[in-house]
Protein backbone atom coordinates (compact mmCIF):
# COMPACT_ATOMS: atom_id res chain seq x y z
CA MET A 1 26.44 -51.24 -4.97
CA SER A 2 23.51 -51.59 -3.02
CA THR A 3 19.95 -50.08 -3.98
CA PHE A 4 19.88 -47.52 -1.11
CA ARG A 5 23.60 -46.09 -2.25
CA LEU A 6 22.19 -45.81 -6.01
CA VAL A 7 19.10 -43.68 -5.07
CA LEU A 8 21.12 -41.78 -2.75
CA LEU A 9 23.70 -40.83 -5.40
CA ALA A 10 20.65 -40.45 -8.26
CA GLY A 11 19.14 -38.14 -5.27
CA ILE A 12 22.60 -36.11 -5.25
CA LEU A 13 23.33 -35.86 -8.75
CA LEU A 14 20.38 -35.45 -10.48
CA PRO A 15 19.52 -32.11 -8.99
CA CYS A 16 23.12 -31.14 -10.13
CA GLN A 17 22.31 -32.27 -13.78
CA LEU A 18 18.97 -30.16 -13.94
CA ALA A 19 20.62 -27.14 -12.77
CA ALA A 20 23.10 -27.41 -15.25
CA THR A 21 20.91 -27.78 -18.13
CA PHE A 22 18.81 -24.69 -17.19
CA THR A 23 20.14 -21.03 -18.47
CA PHE A 24 19.15 -17.97 -16.43
CA ALA A 25 17.70 -15.06 -18.16
CA SER A 26 19.81 -11.88 -17.56
CA PRO A 27 17.58 -8.96 -16.27
CA GLN A 28 16.24 -6.66 -18.89
CA PRO A 29 17.78 -3.65 -20.04
CA GLN A 30 16.56 -0.32 -17.94
CA ASP A 31 15.09 0.76 -21.25
CA GLU A 32 13.10 -1.82 -22.09
CA MET A 33 9.05 -1.21 -21.92
CA ASN A 34 7.46 -4.00 -20.32
CA PHE A 35 3.63 -3.05 -19.96
CA THR A 36 1.24 -0.90 -22.16
CA LEU A 37 -2.15 0.35 -22.05
CA GLU A 38 -5.03 2.32 -23.30
CA GLY A 39 -7.36 4.25 -21.65
CA LYS A 40 -8.88 7.56 -20.71
CA ILE A 41 -7.54 10.03 -18.12
CA THR A 42 -10.22 10.30 -15.44
CA GLU A 43 -7.68 12.13 -13.08
CA ARG A 44 -4.80 14.17 -13.06
CA SER A 45 -2.34 15.81 -10.58
CA PRO A 46 1.33 17.01 -11.26
CA GLY A 47 3.22 13.75 -12.32
CA LYS A 48 0.29 11.26 -11.60
CA LEU A 49 -2.64 10.17 -13.96
CA THR A 50 -5.35 8.05 -13.12
CA VAL A 51 -6.24 6.24 -16.41
CA ALA A 52 -9.42 4.02 -16.85
CA THR A 53 -9.27 1.26 -19.68
CA GLY A 54 -12.25 -0.41 -21.74
CA GLU A 55 -12.05 -3.37 -19.56
CA ASN A 56 -13.17 -1.37 -16.24
CA MET A 57 -9.49 -1.37 -14.93
CA ILE A 58 -8.00 1.72 -13.24
CA PHE A 59 -4.18 2.30 -13.66
CA HIS A 60 -2.06 4.83 -11.80
CA VAL A 61 0.52 6.22 -14.27
CA VAL A 62 3.45 8.12 -12.83
CA TYR A 63 5.46 10.42 -15.40
CA ASN A 64 8.39 12.78 -15.24
CA ASP A 65 10.63 14.93 -17.13
CA LYS A 66 12.18 11.77 -18.71
CA THR A 67 8.96 10.88 -19.86
CA GLU A 68 8.18 11.11 -23.83
CA ILE A 69 4.87 12.83 -24.36
CA LYS A 70 3.82 12.88 -28.00
CA LYS A 71 0.69 13.42 -30.03
CA ALA A 72 -0.92 11.10 -32.19
CA ASP A 73 0.34 12.89 -35.63
CA GLY A 74 4.05 12.19 -33.90
CA THR A 75 4.47 16.06 -32.58
CA PRO A 76 5.86 16.81 -29.15
CA GLY A 77 3.48 16.97 -26.21
CA ALA A 78 3.85 18.30 -23.07
CA PRO A 79 2.05 17.73 -19.55
CA GLN A 80 -0.76 20.81 -19.99
CA ASP A 81 -1.66 18.36 -22.92
CA LEU A 82 -2.49 15.49 -20.77
CA ARG A 83 -6.35 16.42 -19.96
CA ILE A 84 -9.11 14.57 -18.15
CA GLY A 85 -11.06 12.89 -20.63
CA SER A 86 -8.28 12.59 -23.22
CA ARG A 87 -7.67 9.10 -24.83
CA ILE A 88 -3.91 8.24 -24.28
CA SER A 89 -1.60 5.28 -24.80
CA VAL A 90 1.04 4.55 -22.23
CA ALA A 91 4.08 2.17 -22.31
CA GLY A 92 6.56 1.79 -19.43
CA ASP A 93 7.23 -0.30 -16.30
CA LEU A 94 4.89 -2.02 -13.84
CA ALA A 95 6.07 -1.48 -10.32
CA GLU A 96 4.58 -4.64 -7.96
CA SER A 97 2.44 -2.00 -6.51
CA GLY A 98 0.66 -1.79 -9.77
CA GLU A 99 2.02 1.77 -10.52
CA ILE A 100 3.04 2.34 -14.11
CA THR A 101 6.20 4.48 -14.52
CA ALA A 102 5.98 6.04 -18.20
CA LYS A 103 8.38 5.66 -20.40
CA GLN A 104 6.06 7.22 -23.45
CA ILE A 105 2.59 8.59 -23.37
CA THR A 106 0.94 9.23 -26.51
CA ILE A 107 -2.28 11.10 -26.84
CA GLU A 108 -4.65 9.53 -29.08
CA ALA A 109 -7.44 11.66 -29.11
CA ALA A 110 -8.16 15.40 -27.21
CA ASP A 111 -10.64 15.61 -24.66
CA GLY A 112 -13.10 18.08 -26.32
CA GLY A 113 -11.95 21.21 -24.43
CA ASN A 114 -11.47 20.03 -20.63
CA LYS A 115 -8.95 22.05 -19.14
CA LYS A 116 -8.29 20.09 -16.27
């Protein structure tokens, strides 16, 4: 075989060989939480929170009736317990837009009485 034919053959077979050796990951199950954060609630509106972390980063967190809200002691919480100034931890899915859809929110520390 000529050198040209060998190079051409290698150029065709090598990508096929490489593709056969890689395995592709299946998509993650819908219930898997892929993002967590801890911070303080700085703004609140129905179904949406703005959370500031200690690293001077701001996140927008959305929640709904499927979001599990609980207090640090493990007792159930409610949306009205999510007050400005409260420290929370959030586990959920991070969208390309940067918004986090919360699957679980834990109220770590109360806000000291701010009712907003």
